[in-house]
Amino acid sequence: MPPNYREQQGRPLSTNERKGALALVGALVLAGLGVGAWGIASGGNHQHGPCVTMVVPGPTGGGYVTRCGTTARQWCQTQVTAAGPLVAQALTNCRQAKLLPG
């Protein structure tokens, strides 16, 4: 802290300090808008058809597995004959997406 910190506490910002703060806020707003636009433009799954999403446990908490369209249909068919702790969840999700009968 500067040696005259106590004296500066009630002092209003100078013109240059206000301009700097405004520039910082403006830069943060523009960065947020840029990230949002990028997320909208490139985010999401661009495949057509029903999608299946599962939460899969992992060493750092877990992740998502998402399959859509033809890939989802093929994946669901492989789950019918698969074995493992997540098969029941996979089959339920495939049935809810109407990719498997039942």
PDB file of N, CA and C in Angstrom:
ATOM      1  N   MET A   1       0.841  -1.185   0.000  1.00  0.00           N
ATOM      2  CA  MET A   1       0.000   0.000   0.000  1.00  0.00           C
ATOM      3  C   MET A   1       0.883   1.243   0.000  1.00  0.00           C
ATOM      4  N   PRO A   2       0.447   2.277  -0.683  1.00  0.00           N
ATOM      5  CA  PRO A   2       1.229   3.522  -0.678  1.00  0.00           C
ATOM      6  C   PRO A   2       1.253   4.117   0.727  1.00  0.00           C
ATOM      7  N   PRO A   3       2.284   4.877   1.024  1.00  0.00           N
ATOM      8  CA  PRO A   3       2.401   5.446   2.370  1.00  0.00           C
ATOM      9  C   PRO A   3       1.254   6.396   2.724  1.00  0.00           C
ATOM     10  N   ASN A   4       0.634   7.046   1.755  1.00  0.00           N
ATOM     11  CA  ASN A   4      -0.456   7.982   2.041  1.00  0.00           C
ATOM     12  C   ASN A   4      -1.824   7.330   1.765  1.00  0.00           C
ATOM     13  N   TYR A   5      -1.921   6.018   1.981  1.00  0.00           N
ATOM     14  CA  TYR A   5      -3.147   5.264   1.677  1.00  0.00           C
ATOM     15  C   TYR A   5      -4.346   5.825   2.432  1.00  0.00           C
ATOM     16  N   ARG A   6      -4.191   6.106   3.690  1.00  0.00           N
ATOM     17  CA  ARG A   6      -5.307   6.601   4.504  1.00  0.00           C
ATOM     18  C   ARG A   6      -5.834   7.934   3.970  1.00  0.00           C
ATOM     19  N   GLU A   7      -4.950   8.772   3.450  1.00  0.00           N
ATOM     20  CA  GLU A   7      -5.369  10.061   2.932  1.00  0.00           C
ATOM     21  C   GLU A   7      -6.127   9.912   1.612  1.00  0.00           C
ATOM     22  N   GLN A   8      -5.867   8.851   0.839  1.00  0.00           N
ATOM     23  CA  GLN A   8      -6.465   8.677  -0.480  1.00  0.00           C
ATOM     24  C   GLN A   8      -7.819   7.969  -0.434  1.00  0.00           C
ATOM     25  N   GLN A   9      -8.216   7.428   0.689  1.00  0.00           N
ATOM     26  CA  GLN A   9      -9.426   6.619   0.745  1.00  0.00           C
ATOM     27  C   GLN A   9     -10.677   7.355   0.297  1.00  0.00           C
ATOM     28  N   GLY A  10     -10.897   8.582   0.711  1.00  0.00           N
ATOM     29  CA  GLY A  10     -12.110   9.291   0.370  1.00  0.00           C
ATOM     30  C   GLY A  10     -12.008  10.121  -0.900  1.00  0.00           C
ATOM     31  N   ARG A  11     -10.872  10.082  -1.574  1.00  0.00           N
ATOM     32  CA  ARG A  11     -10.620  10.909  -2.746  1.00  0.00           C
ATOM     33  C   ARG A  11     -11.341  10.347  -3.964  1.00  0.00           C
ATOM     34  N   PRO A  12     -12.039  11.201  -4.736  1.00  0.00           N
ATOM     35  CA  PRO A  12     -12.676  10.721  -5.961  1.00  0.00           C
ATOM     36  C   PRO A  12     -11.617  10.386  -7.019  1.00  0.00           C
ATOM     37  N   LEU A  13     -12.001   9.544  -7.958  1.00  0.00           N
ATOM     38  CA  LEU A  13     -11.074   9.166  -9.028  1.00  0.00           C
ATOM     39  C   LEU A  13     -10.793  10.361  -9.929  1.00  0.00           C
ATOM     40  N   SER A  14      -9.551  10.417 -10.389  1.00  0.00           N
ATOM     41  CA  SER A  14      -9.190  11.482 -11.333  1.00  0.00           C
ATOM     42  C   SER A  14      -9.741  11.126 -12.714  1.00  0.00           C
ATOM     43  N   THR A  15      -9.666  12.069 -13.633  1.00  0.00           N
ATOM     44  CA  THR A  15     -10.159  11.840 -14.994  1.00  0.00           C
ATOM     45  C   THR A  15      -9.438  10.677 -15.647  1.00  0.00           C
ATOM     46  N   ASN A  16      -8.127  10.615 -15.501  1.00  0.00           N
ATOM     47  CA  ASN A  16      -7.355   9.516 -16.098  1.00  0.00           C
ATOM     48  C   ASN A  16      -7.713   8.180 -15.449  1.00  0.00           C
ATOM     49  N   GLU A  17      -7.932   8.173 -14.148  1.00  0.00           N
ATOM     50  CA  GLU A  17      -8.316   6.933 -13.465  1.00  0.00           C
ATOM     51  C   GLU A  17      -9.698   6.469 -13.926  1.00  0.00           C
ATOM     52  N   ARG A  18     -10.618   7.412 -14.104  1.00  0.00           N
ATOM     53  CA  ARG A  18     -11.955   7.060 -14.597  1.00  0.00           C
ATOM     54  C   ARG A  18     -11.879   6.501 -16.014  1.00  0.00           C
ATOM     55  N   LYS A  19     -11.072   7.135 -16.853  1.00  0.00           N
ATOM     56  CA  LYS A  19     -10.908   6.649 -18.233  1.00  0.00           C
ATOM     57  C   LYS A  19     -10.313   5.240 -18.233  1.00  0.00           C
ATOM     58  N   GLY A  20      -9.338   5.010 -17.386  1.00  0.00           N
ATOM     59  CA  GLY A  20      -8.725   3.676 -17.299  1.00  0.00           C
ATOM     60  C   GLY A  20      -9.724   2.631 -16.827  1.00  0.00           C
ATOM     61  N   ALA A  21     -10.523   2.985 -15.825  1.00  0.00           N
ATOM     62  CA  ALA A  21     -11.538   2.050 -15.328  1.00  0.00           C
ATOM     63  C   ALA A  21     -12.586   1.779 -16.397  1.00  0.00           C
ATOM     64  N   LEU A  22     -12.997   2.817 -17.111  1.00  0.00           N
ATOM     65  CA  LEU A  22     -13.981   2.653 -18.177  1.00  0.00           C
ATOM     66  C   LEU A  22     -13.414   1.786 -19.308  1.00  0.00           C
ATOM     67  N   ALA A  23     -12.150   1.989 -19.641  1.00  0.00           N
ATOM     68  CA  ALA A  23     -11.518   1.175 -20.686  1.00  0.00           C
ATOM     69  C   ALA A  23     -11.443  -0.290 -20.251  1.00  0.00           C
ATOM     70  N   LEU A  24     -11.137  -0.528 -18.988  1.00  0.00           N
ATOM     71  CA  LEU A  24     -11.067  -1.894 -18.472  1.00  0.00           C
ATOM     72  C   LEU A  24     -12.438  -2.566 -18.520  1.00  0.00           C
ATOM     73  N   VAL A  25     -13.465  -1.869 -18.071  1.00  0.00           N
ATOM     74  CA  VAL A  25     -14.826  -2.416 -18.109  1.00  0.00           C
ATOM     75  C   VAL A  25     -15.255  -2.667 -19.552  1.00  0.00           C
ATOM     76  N   GLY A  26     -14.959  -1.727 -20.439  1.00  0.00           N
ATOM     77  CA  GLY A  26     -15.301  -1.903 -21.860  1.00  0.00           C
ATOM     78  C   GLY A  26     -14.603  -3.113 -22.464  1.00  0.00           C
ATOM     79  N   ALA A  27     -13.322  -3.300 -22.123  1.00  0.00           N
ATOM     80  CA  ALA A  27     -12.575  -4.456 -22.639  1.00  0.00           C
ATOM     81  C   ALA A  27     -13.175  -5.758 -22.120  1.00  0.00           C
ATOM     82  N   LEU A  28     -13.563  -5.787 -20.856  1.00  0.00           N
ATOM     83  CA  LEU A  28     -14.174  -6.991 -20.293  1.00  0.00           C
ATOM     84  C   LEU A  28     -15.523  -7.295 -20.943  1.00  0.00           C
ATOM     85  N   VAL A  29     -16.310  -6.260 -21.197  1.00  0.00           N
ATOM     86  CA  VAL A  29     -17.611  -6.453 -21.859  1.00  0.00           C
ATOM     87  C   VAL A  29     -17.402  -6.980 -23.280  1.00  0.00           C
ATOM     88  N   LEU A  30     -16.470  -6.379 -24.003  1.00  0.00           N
ATOM     89  CA  LEU A  30     -16.195  -6.840 -25.369  1.00  0.00           C
ATOM     90  C   LEU A  30     -15.680  -8.273 -25.378  1.00  0.00           C
ATOM     91  N   ALA A  31     -14.824  -8.612 -24.429  1.00  0.00           N
ATOM     92  CA  ALA A  31     -14.324  -9.988 -24.346  1.00  0.00           C
ATOM     93  C   ALA A  31     -15.473 -10.952 -24.071  1.00  0.00           C
ATOM     94  N   GLY A  32     -16.373 -10.580 -23.169  1.00  0.00           N
ATOM     95  CA  GLY A  32     -17.527 -11.431 -22.870  1.00  0.00           C
ATOM     96  C   GLY A  32     -18.433 -11.604 -24.074  1.00  0.00           C
ATOM     97  N   LEU A  33     -18.669 -10.529 -24.808  1.00  0.00           N
ATOM     98  CA  LEU A  33     -19.485 -10.621 -26.019  1.00  0.00           C
ATOM     99  C   LEU A  33     -18.806 -11.489 -27.075  1.00  0.00           C
ATOM    100  N   GLY A  34     -17.499 -11.356 -27.191  1.00  0.00           N
ATOM    101  CA  GLY A  34     -16.762 -12.165 -28.158  1.00  0.00           C
ATOM    102  C   GLY A  34     -16.830 -13.643 -27.831  1.00  0.00           C
ATOM    103  N   VAL A  35     -16.650 -13.980 -26.561  1.00  0.00           N
ATOM    104  CA  VAL A  35     -16.734 -15.377 -26.140  1.00  0.00           C
ATOM    105  C   VAL A  35     -18.144 -15.907 -26.356  1.00  0.00           C
ATOM    106  N   GLY A  36     -19.146 -15.111 -26.043  1.00  0.00           N
ATOM    107  CA  GLY A  36     -20.533 -15.531 -26.254  1.00  0.00           C
ATOM    108  C   GLY A  36     -20.848 -15.756 -27.723  1.00  0.00           C
ATOM    109  N   ALA A  37     -20.399 -14.851 -28.584  1.00  0.00           N
ATOM    110  CA  ALA A  37     -20.627 -15.002 -30.021  1.00  0.00           C
ATOM    111  C   ALA A  37     -19.911 -16.231 -30.555  1.00  0.00           C
ATOM    112  N   TRP A  38     -18.688 -16.465 -30.096  1.00  0.00           N
ATOM    113  CA  TRP A  38     -17.938 -17.641 -30.526  1.00  0.00           C
ATOM    114  C   TRP A  38     -18.658 -18.910 -30.074  1.00  0.00           C
ATOM    115  N   GLY A  39     -19.168 -18.915 -28.849  1.00  0.00           N
ATOM    116  CA  GLY A  39     -19.886 -20.086 -28.350  1.00  0.00           C
ATOM    117  C   GLY A  39     -21.146 -20.375 -29.141  1.00  0.00           C
ATOM    118  N   ILE A  40     -21.852 -19.330 -29.516  1.00  0.00           N
ATOM    119  CA  ILE A  40     -23.071 -19.512 -30.299  1.00  0.00           C
ATOM    120  C   ILE A  40     -22.727 -19.984 -31.711  1.00  0.00           C
ATOM    121  N   ALA A  41     -21.697 -19.397 -32.302  1.00  0.00           N
ATOM    122  CA  ALA A  41     -21.341 -19.723 -33.683  1.00  0.00           C
ATOM    123  C   ALA A  41     -20.747 -21.119 -33.812  1.00  0.00           C
ATOM    124  N   SER A  42     -19.929 -21.542 -32.861  1.00  0.00           N
ATOM    125  CA  SER A  42     -19.241 -22.824 -33.018  1.00  0.00           C
ATOM    126  C   SER A  42     -19.733 -23.882 -32.058  1.00  0.00           C
ATOM    127  N   GLY A  43     -20.499 -23.507 -31.062  1.00  0.00           N
ATOM    128  CA  GLY A  43     -20.913 -24.462 -30.050  1.00  0.00           C
ATOM    129  C   GLY A  43     -22.052 -25.331 -30.494  1.00  0.00           C
ATOM    130  N   GLY A  44     -22.330 -26.294 -29.667  1.00  0.00           N
ATOM    131  CA  GLY A  44     -23.455 -27.167 -29.959  1.00  0.00           C
ATOM    132  C   GLY A  44     -23.083 -28.268 -30.917  1.00  0.00           C
ATOM    133  N   ASN A  45     -23.999 -29.144 -31.108  1.00  0.00           N
ATOM    134  CA  ASN A  45     -23.787 -30.266 -31.989  1.00  0.00           C
ATOM    135  C   ASN A  45     -24.495 -29.972 -33.296  1.00  0.00           C
ATOM    136  N   HIS A  46     -23.769 -29.964 -34.386  1.00  0.00           N
ATOM    137  CA  HIS A  46     -24.341 -29.599 -35.665  1.00  0.00           C
ATOM    138  C   HIS A  46     -24.907 -30.789 -36.430  1.00  0.00           C
ATOM    139  N   GLN A  47     -24.867 -31.957 -35.821  1.00  0.00           N
ATOM    140  CA  GLN A  47     -25.417 -33.125 -36.483  1.00  0.00           C
ATOM    141  C   GLN A  47     -26.927 -33.128 -36.335  1.00  0.00           C
ATOM    142  N   HIS A  48     -27.576 -33.793 -37.264  1.00  0.00           N
ATOM    143  CA  HIS A  48     -29.025 -33.872 -37.226  1.00  0.00           C
ATOM    144  C   HIS A  48     -29.445 -35.201 -36.627  1.00  0.00           C
ATOM    145  N   GLY A  49     -30.620 -35.211 -36.102  1.00  0.00           N
ATOM    146  CA  GLY A  49     -31.160 -36.441 -35.559  1.00  0.00           C
ATOM    147  C   GLY A  49     -31.142 -36.432 -34.050  1.00  0.00           C
ATOM    148  N   PRO A  50     -31.696 -37.473 -33.454  1.00  0.00           N
ATOM    149  CA  PRO A  50     -31.753 -37.538 -31.991  1.00  0.00           C
ATOM    150  C   PRO A  50     -30.356 -37.689 -31.385  1.00  0.00           C
ATOM    151  N   CYS A  51     -30.208 -37.160 -30.194  1.00  0.00           N
ATOM    152  CA  CYS A  51     -28.925 -37.216 -29.501  1.00  0.00           C
ATOM    153  C   CYS A  51     -29.052 -37.993 -28.197  1.00  0.00           C
ATOM    154  N   VAL A  52     -27.962 -38.628 -27.813  1.00  0.00           N
ATOM    155  CA  VAL A  52     -27.864 -39.340 -26.542  1.00  0.00           C
ATOM    156  C   VAL A  52     -26.704 -38.713 -25.791  1.00  0.00           C
ATOM    157  N   THR A  53     -26.959 -38.293 -24.559  1.00  0.00           N
ATOM    158  CA  THR A  53     -25.906 -37.716 -23.719  1.00  0.00           C
ATOM    159  C   THR A  53     -25.866 -38.471 -22.404  1.00  0.00           C
ATOM    160  N   MET A  54     -24.674 -38.848 -21.995  1.00  0.00           N
ATOM    161  CA  MET A  54     -24.479 -39.552 -20.727  1.00  0.00           C
ATOM    162  C   MET A  54     -23.402 -38.854 -19.923  1.00  0.00           C
ATOM    163  N   VAL A  55     -23.550 -38.917 -18.607  1.00  0.00           N
ATOM    164  CA  VAL A  55     -22.507 -38.450 -17.706  1.00  0.00           C
ATOM    165  C   VAL A  55     -21.685 -39.676 -17.329  1.00  0.00           C
ATOM    166  N   VAL A  56     -20.388 -39.614 -17.577  1.00  0.00           N
ATOM    167  CA  VAL A  56     -19.500 -40.744 -17.326  1.00  0.00           C
ATOM    168  C   VAL A  56     -18.532 -40.362 -16.217  1.00  0.00           C
ATOM    169  N   PRO A  57     -18.467 -41.152 -15.144  1.00  0.00           N
ATOM    170  CA  PRO A  57     -17.542 -40.826 -14.056  1.00  0.00           C
ATOM    171  C   PRO A  57     -16.091 -40.933 -14.518  1.00  0.00           C
ATOM    172  N   GLY A  58     -15.274 -40.072 -13.969  1.00  0.00           N
ATOM    173  CA  GLY A  58     -13.860 -40.072 -14.318  1.00  0.00           C
ATOM    174  C   GLY A  58     -13.015 -39.727 -13.113  1.00  0.00           C
ATOM    175  N   PRO A  59     -11.706 -39.744 -13.255  1.00  0.00           N
ATOM    176  CA  PRO A  59     -10.810 -39.498 -12.119  1.00  0.00           C
ATOM    177  C   PRO A  59     -10.896 -38.075 -11.567  1.00  0.00           C
ATOM    178  N   THR A  60     -11.347 -37.125 -12.381  1.00  0.00           N
ATOM    179  CA  THR A  60     -11.436 -35.745 -11.909  1.00  0.00           C
ATOM    180  C   THR A  60     -12.879 -35.282 -11.792  1.00  0.00           C
ATOM    181  N   GLY A  61     -13.814 -36.205 -11.678  1.00  0.00           N
ATOM    182  CA  GLY A  61     -15.206 -35.836 -11.487  1.00  0.00           C
ATOM    183  C   GLY A  61     -16.130 -36.369 -12.550  1.00  0.00           C
ATOM    184  N   GLY A  62     -15.688 -36.461 -13.774  1.00  0.00           N
ATOM    185  CA  GLY A  62     -16.542 -37.015 -14.818  1.00  0.00           C
ATOM    186  C   GLY A  62     -16.600 -36.143 -16.037  1.00  0.00           C
ATOM    187  N   GLY A  63     -17.322 -36.641 -17.027  1.00  0.00           N
ATOM    188  CA  GLY A  63     -17.461 -35.913 -18.270  1.00  0.00           C
ATOM    189  C   GLY A  63     -18.718 -36.342 -18.986  1.00  0.00           C
ATOM    190  N   TYR A  64     -18.942 -35.758 -20.132  1.00  0.00           N
ATOM    191  CA  TYR A  64     -20.130 -36.052 -20.919  1.00  0.00           C
ATOM    192  C   TYR A  64     -19.734 -36.824 -22.173  1.00  0.00           C
ATOM    193  N   VAL A  65     -20.576 -37.773 -22.534  1.00  0.00           N
ATOM    194  CA  VAL A  65     -20.456 -38.470 -23.809  1.00  0.00           C
ATOM    195  C   VAL A  65     -21.712 -38.114 -24.580  1.00  0.00           C
ATOM    196  N   THR A  66     -21.572 -37.524 -25.748  1.00  0.00           N
ATOM    197  CA  THR A  66     -22.723 -37.137 -26.561  1.00  0.00           C
ATOM    198  C   THR A  66     -22.565 -37.724 -27.954  1.00  0.00           C
ATOM    199  N   ARG A  67     -23.609 -38.347 -28.413  1.00  0.00           N
ATOM    200  CA  ARG A  67     -23.659 -38.901 -29.767  1.00  0.00           C
ATOM    201  C   ARG A  67     -24.954 -38.437 -30.407  1.00  0.00           C
ATOM    202  N   CYS A  68     -24.921 -38.098 -31.687  1.00  0.00           N
ATOM    203  CA  CYS A  68     -26.121 -37.641 -32.388  1.00  0.00           C
ATOM    204  C   CYS A  68     -26.254 -38.317 -33.735  1.00  0.00           C
ATOM    205  N   GLY A  69     -27.496 -38.408 -34.212  1.00  0.00           N
ATOM    206  CA  GLY A  69     -27.785 -38.904 -35.547  1.00  0.00           C
ATOM    207  C   GLY A  69     -27.349 -40.339 -35.770  1.00  0.00           C
ATOM    208  N   THR A  70     -26.701 -40.574 -36.899  1.00  0.00           N
ATOM    209  CA  THR A  70     -26.256 -41.915 -37.278  1.00  0.00           C
ATOM    210  C   THR A  70     -25.264 -42.471 -36.269  1.00  0.00           C
ATOM    211  N   THR A  71     -24.384 -41.614 -35.769  1.00  0.00           N
ATOM    212  CA  THR A  71     -23.407 -42.047 -34.771  1.00  0.00           C
ATOM    213  C   THR A  71     -24.119 -42.538 -33.516  1.00  0.00           C
ATOM    214  N   ALA A  72     -25.175 -41.860 -33.102  1.00  0.00           N
ATOM    215  CA  ALA A  72     -25.936 -42.270 -31.923  1.00  0.00           C
ATOM    216  C   ALA A  72     -26.613 -43.615 -32.159  1.00  0.00           C
ATOM    217  N   ARG A  73     -27.185 -43.804 -33.340  1.00  0.00           N
ATOM    218  CA  ARG A  73     -27.840 -45.085 -33.649  1.00  0.00           C
ATOM    219  C   ARG A  73     -26.842 -46.233 -33.589  1.00  0.00           C
ATOM    220  N   GLN A  74     -25.678 -46.041 -34.192  1.00  0.00           N
ATOM    221  CA  GLN A  74     -24.645 -47.078 -34.184  1.00  0.00           C
ATOM    222  C   GLN A  74     -24.161 -47.345 -32.764  1.00  0.00           C
ATOM    223  N   TRP A  75     -23.948 -46.294 -31.997  1.00  0.00           N
ATOM    224  CA  TRP A  75     -23.465 -46.437 -30.627  1.00  0.00           C
ATOM    225  C   TRP A  75     -24.483 -47.184 -29.778  1.00  0.00           C
ATOM    226  N   CYS A  76     -25.768 -46.848 -29.927  1.00  0.00           N
ATOM    227  CA  CYS A  76     -26.815 -47.525 -29.159  1.00  0.00           C
ATOM    228  C   CYS A  76     -26.871 -49.004 -29.511  1.00  0.00           C
ATOM    229  N   GLN A  77     -26.685 -49.339 -30.781  1.00  0.00           N
ATOM    230  CA  GLN A  77     -26.684 -50.753 -31.178  1.00  0.00           C
ATOM    231  C   GLN A  77     -25.522 -51.504 -30.533  1.00  0.00           C
ATOM    232  N   THR A  78     -24.374 -50.855 -30.390  1.00  0.00           N
ATOM    233  CA  THR A  78     -23.237 -51.527 -29.739  1.00  0.00           C
ATOM    234  C   THR A  78     -23.486 -51.710 -28.249  1.00  0.00           C
ATOM    235  N   GLN A  79     -24.288 -50.843 -27.647  1.00  0.00           N
ATOM    236  CA  GLN A  79     -24.559 -50.952 -26.216  1.00  0.00           C
ATOM    237  C   GLN A  79     -25.473 -52.137 -25.894  1.00  0.00           C
ATOM    238  N   VAL A  80     -26.239 -52.593 -26.884  1.00  0.00           N
ATOM    239  CA  VAL A  80     -27.148 -53.720 -26.663  1.00  0.00           C
ATOM    240  C   VAL A  80     -26.349 -54.966 -26.288  1.00  0.00           C
ATOM    241  N   THR A  81     -25.201 -55.168 -26.894  1.00  0.00           N
ATOM    242  CA  THR A  81     -24.399 -56.365 -26.635  1.00  0.00           C
ATOM    243  C   THR A  81     -23.213 -56.079 -25.723  1.00  0.00           C
ATOM    244  N   ALA A  82     -23.078 -54.857 -25.242  1.00  0.00           N
ATOM    245  CA  ALA A  82     -21.931 -54.490 -24.406  1.00  0.00           C
ATOM    246  C   ALA A  82     -22.143 -54.939 -22.962  1.00  0.00           C
ATOM    247  N   ALA A  83     -21.070 -54.945 -22.224  1.00  0.00           N
ATOM    248  CA  ALA A  83     -21.129 -55.254 -20.798  1.00  0.00           C
ATOM    249  C   ALA A  83     -20.354 -54.178 -20.055  1.00  0.00           C
ATOM    250  N   GLY A  84     -20.827 -53.849 -18.875  1.00  0.00           N
ATOM    251  CA  GLY A  84     -20.132 -52.849 -18.079  1.00  0.00           C
ATOM    252  C   GLY A  84     -21.095 -52.102 -17.179  1.00  0.00           C
ATOM    253  N   PRO A  85     -20.547 -51.278 -16.308  1.00  0.00           N
ATOM    254  CA  PRO A  85     -21.381 -50.600 -15.307  1.00  0.00           C
ATOM    255  C   PRO A  85     -22.294 -49.521 -15.880  1.00  0.00           C
ATOM    256  N   LEU A  86     -22.023 -49.011 -17.069  1.00  0.00           N
ATOM    257  CA  LEU A  86     -22.810 -47.911 -17.620  1.00  0.00           C
ATOM    258  C   LEU A  86     -23.786 -48.346 -18.711  1.00  0.00           C
ATOM    259  N   VAL A  87     -23.840 -49.651 -18.993  1.00  0.00           N
ATOM    260  CA  VAL A  87     -24.682 -50.128 -20.090  1.00  0.00           C
ATOM    261  C   VAL A  87     -26.157 -49.858 -19.820  1.00  0.00           C
ATOM    262  N   ALA A  88     -26.598 -50.091 -18.582  1.00  0.00           N
ATOM    263  CA  ALA A  88     -28.018 -49.865 -18.257  1.00  0.00           C
ATOM    264  C   ALA A  88     -28.398 -48.406 -18.484  1.00  0.00           C
ATOM    265  N   GLN A  89     -27.534 -47.501 -18.062  1.00  0.00           N
ATOM    266  CA  GLN A  89     -27.794 -46.069 -18.271  1.00  0.00           C
ATOM    267  C   GLN A  89     -27.792 -45.754 -19.765  1.00  0.00           C
ATOM    268  N   ALA A  90     -26.865 -46.327 -20.512  1.00  0.00           N
ATOM    269  CA  ALA A  90     -26.795 -46.077 -21.950  1.00  0.00           C
ATOM    270  C   ALA A  90     -28.058 -46.567 -22.645  1.00  0.00           C
ATOM    271  N   LEU A  91     -28.508 -47.766 -22.304  1.00  0.00           N
ATOM    272  CA  LEU A  91     -29.708 -48.311 -22.940  1.00  0.00           C
ATOM    273  C   LEU A  91     -30.943 -47.480 -22.603  1.00  0.00           C
ATOM    274  N   THR A  92     -31.045 -47.017 -21.360  1.00  0.00           N
ATOM    275  CA  THR A  92     -32.173 -46.161 -20.966  1.00  0.00           C
ATOM    276  C   THR A  92     -32.169 -44.869 -21.778  1.00  0.00           C
ATOM    277  N   ASN A  93     -31.003 -44.262 -21.903  1.00  0.00           N
ATOM    278  CA  ASN A  93     -30.901 -43.015 -22.675  1.00  0.00           C
ATOM    279  C   ASN A  93     -31.205 -43.247 -24.148  1.00  0.00           C
ATOM    280  N   CYS A  94     -30.775 -44.382 -24.683  1.00  0.00           N
ATOM    281  CA  CYS A  94     -31.055 -44.689 -26.091  1.00  0.00           C
ATOM    282  C   CYS A  94     -32.549 -44.895 -26.306  1.00  0.00           C
ATOM    283  N   ARG A  95     -33.218 -45.541 -25.349  1.00  0.00           N
ATOM    284  CA  ARG A  95     -34.671 -45.743 -25.475  1.00  0.00           C
ATOM    285  C   ARG A  95     -35.416 -44.410 -25.354  1.00  0.00           C
ATOM    286  N   GLN A  96     -34.963 -43.555 -24.465  1.00  0.00           N
ATOM    287  CA  GLN A  96     -35.614 -42.243 -24.316  1.00  0.00           C
ATOM    288  C   GLN A  96     -35.462 -41.402 -25.577  1.00  0.00           C
ATOM    289  N   ALA A  97     -34.345 -41.577 -26.276  1.00  0.00           N
ATOM    290  CA  ALA A  97     -34.121 -40.849 -27.530  1.00  0.00           C
ATOM    291  C   ALA A  97     -34.799 -41.549 -28.713  1.00  0.00           C
ATOM    292  N   LYS A  98     -35.494 -42.658 -28.418  1.00  0.00           N
ATOM    293  CA  LYS A  98     -36.202 -43.445 -29.433  1.00  0.00           C
ATOM    294  C   LYS A  98     -35.263 -44.016 -30.487  1.00  0.00           C
ATOM    295  N   LEU A  99     -34.060 -44.372 -30.041  1.00  0.00           N
ATOM    296  CA  LEU A  99     -33.093 -45.010 -30.923  1.00  0.00           C
ATOM    297  C   LEU A  99     -33.117 -46.522 -30.782  1.00  0.00           C
ATOM    298  N   LEU A 100     -33.787 -47.006 -29.729  1.00  0.00           N
ATOM    299  CA  LEU A 100     -33.990 -48.437 -29.512  1.00  0.00           C
ATOM    300  C   LEU A 100     -35.447 -48.669 -29.192  1.00  0.00           C
ATOM    301  N   PRO A 101     -35.977 -49.838 -29.574  1.00  0.00           N
ATOM    302  CA  PRO A 101     -37.367 -50.126 -29.218  1.00  0.00           C
ATOM    303  C   PRO A 101     -37.518 -50.337 -27.723  1.00  0.00           C
ATOM    304  N   GLY A 102     -38.694 -50.069 -27.251  1.00  0.00           N
ATOM    305  CA  GLY A 102     -38.971 -50.347 -25.836  1.00  0.00           C
ATOM    306  C   GLY A 102     -39.294 -49.129 -25.143  1.00  0.00           C
TER     307      GLY A 102
END
